[in-house]
Amino acid sequence: MTEVVHVVLVEWADGADPAEAEALVDERLPGIPGVLSVARGASVSTEGLESGFDWALVIRFAGAEAVAAYLPHPDHVVVGQHLGDHADRIVVFDVAA
């Protein structure tokens, strides 16, 4: 089975607190079936090519079926709603790994 890497880039709205999102991510996402790893945080790149994005969430899944089950999962819905409510811009990109 081919793993899938799910990348979410966020440009926070004024006043948003990334620590709140990080707490939600840490509490809710790692235990979802099919999630192999979760990383999140601000860019540590020295290139300066973030194009206004402040924060990223990267989730590695066991496969496409795991992604399909993750999307409607209640814990994902809570995190997604929080990100949407506190972001000016979000990009989601999935790649086979």
Protein backbone atom coordinates (compact mmCIF):
# COMPACT_ATOMS: atom_id res chain seq x y z
CA MET A 1 0.00 0.00 0.00
CA THR A 2 1.31 3.47 -0.90
CA GLU A 3 1.51 5.92 1.98
CA VAL A 4 0.02 9.39 1.59
CA VAL A 5 1.50 12.59 3.00
CA HIS A 6 -1.13 15.26 3.76
CA VAL A 7 0.27 18.80 3.89
CA VAL A 8 -1.76 21.74 5.24
CA LEU A 9 -0.33 25.27 5.00
CA VAL A 10 -1.94 28.02 7.07
CA GLU A 11 -1.72 31.79 6.99
CA TRP A 12 -3.13 32.82 10.37
CA ALA A 13 -5.68 35.60 10.72
CA ASP A 14 -4.76 38.53 12.94
CA GLY A 15 -5.04 37.54 16.58
CA ALA A 16 -4.93 33.78 15.96
CA ASP A 17 -2.91 31.75 18.46
CA PRO A 18 -1.05 28.85 16.80
CA ALA A 19 -0.57 27.24 20.22
CA GLU A 20 -4.32 26.54 20.35
CA ALA A 21 -4.18 24.71 17.01
CA GLU A 22 -1.09 22.80 18.10
CA ALA A 23 -2.81 21.64 21.30
CA LEU A 24 -5.84 20.44 19.30
CA VAL A 25 -3.64 18.66 16.76
CA ASP A 26 -1.58 16.95 19.46
CA GLU A 27 -4.67 15.87 21.37
CA ARG A 28 -6.88 14.70 18.52
CA LEU A 29 -5.01 13.63 15.39
CA PRO A 30 -2.33 11.07 16.37
CA GLY A 31 -4.87 8.50 17.58
CA ILE A 32 -6.98 8.45 14.42
CA PRO A 33 -6.71 5.03 12.72
CA GLY A 34 -4.35 5.05 9.76
CA VAL A 35 -2.37 8.10 10.94
CA LEU A 36 1.30 7.11 11.05
CA SER A 37 2.83 10.43 12.11
CA VAL A 38 1.92 14.07 12.73
CA ALA A 39 4.19 17.12 12.59
CA ARG A 40 3.11 20.73 12.98
CA GLY A 41 4.59 24.15 13.55
CA ALA A 42 6.12 27.26 12.08
CA SER A 43 8.60 27.07 9.23
CA VAL A 44 12.24 26.58 10.14
CA SER A 45 13.41 27.22 6.57
CA THR A 46 16.12 29.80 5.98
CA GLU A 47 15.01 30.29 2.35
CA GLY A 48 12.15 32.67 3.14
CA LEU A 49 9.89 31.18 0.47
CA GLU A 50 6.78 30.60 2.62
CA SER A 51 4.68 33.04 0.52
CA GLY A 52 2.85 34.34 3.57
CA PHE A 53 2.11 30.96 5.15
CA ASP A 54 2.88 30.91 8.87
CA TRP A 55 2.35 27.32 9.90
CA ALA A 56 2.18 23.78 8.52
CA LEU A 57 0.57 20.49 9.48
CA VAL A 58 2.00 17.34 7.91
CA ILE A 59 0.30 13.98 8.44
CA ARG A 60 1.58 10.69 7.08
CA PHE A 61 -1.14 8.11 6.41
CA ALA A 62 -0.98 4.37 5.79
CA GLY A 63 -2.72 4.86 2.43
CA ALA A 64 -5.52 6.50 0.51
CA GLU A 65 -8.13 4.50 2.42
CA ALA A 66 -6.82 5.95 5.69
CA VAL A 67 -7.13 9.48 4.28
CA ALA A 68 -10.70 8.76 3.18
CA ALA A 69 -11.59 7.55 6.69
CA TYR A 70 -9.78 10.49 8.32
CA LEU A 71 -11.64 13.25 6.48
CA PRO A 72 -15.06 12.67 8.15
CA HIS A 73 -13.54 11.58 11.49
CA PRO A 74 -14.93 13.76 14.32
CA ASP A 75 -11.46 14.65 15.62
CA HIS A 76 -10.36 15.83 12.18
CA VAL A 77 -13.55 17.84 11.81
CA VAL A 78 -12.82 19.69 15.08
CA VAL A 79 -9.25 20.51 14.02
CA GLY A 80 -10.30 21.50 10.50
CA GLN A 81 -13.01 23.79 11.83
CA HIS A 82 -10.55 25.46 14.19
CA LEU A 83 -8.04 26.04 11.42
CA GLY A 84 -10.70 27.40 9.09
CA ASP A 85 -12.06 29.73 11.76
CA HIS A 86 -8.62 31.20 12.53
CA ALA A 87 -6.93 31.32 9.13
CA ASP A 88 -6.94 33.86 6.34
CA ARG A 89 -5.72 31.25 3.88
CA ILE A 90 -5.27 27.48 3.82
CA VAL A 91 -3.76 25.17 1.20
CA VAL A 92 -4.06 21.37 1.36
CA PHE A 93 -1.88 19.12 -0.76
CA ASP A 94 -1.67 15.31 -0.66
CA VAL A 95 1.16 13.36 -2.23
CA ALA A 96 1.82 9.62 -2.55
CA ALA A 97 4.96 8.66 -0.69
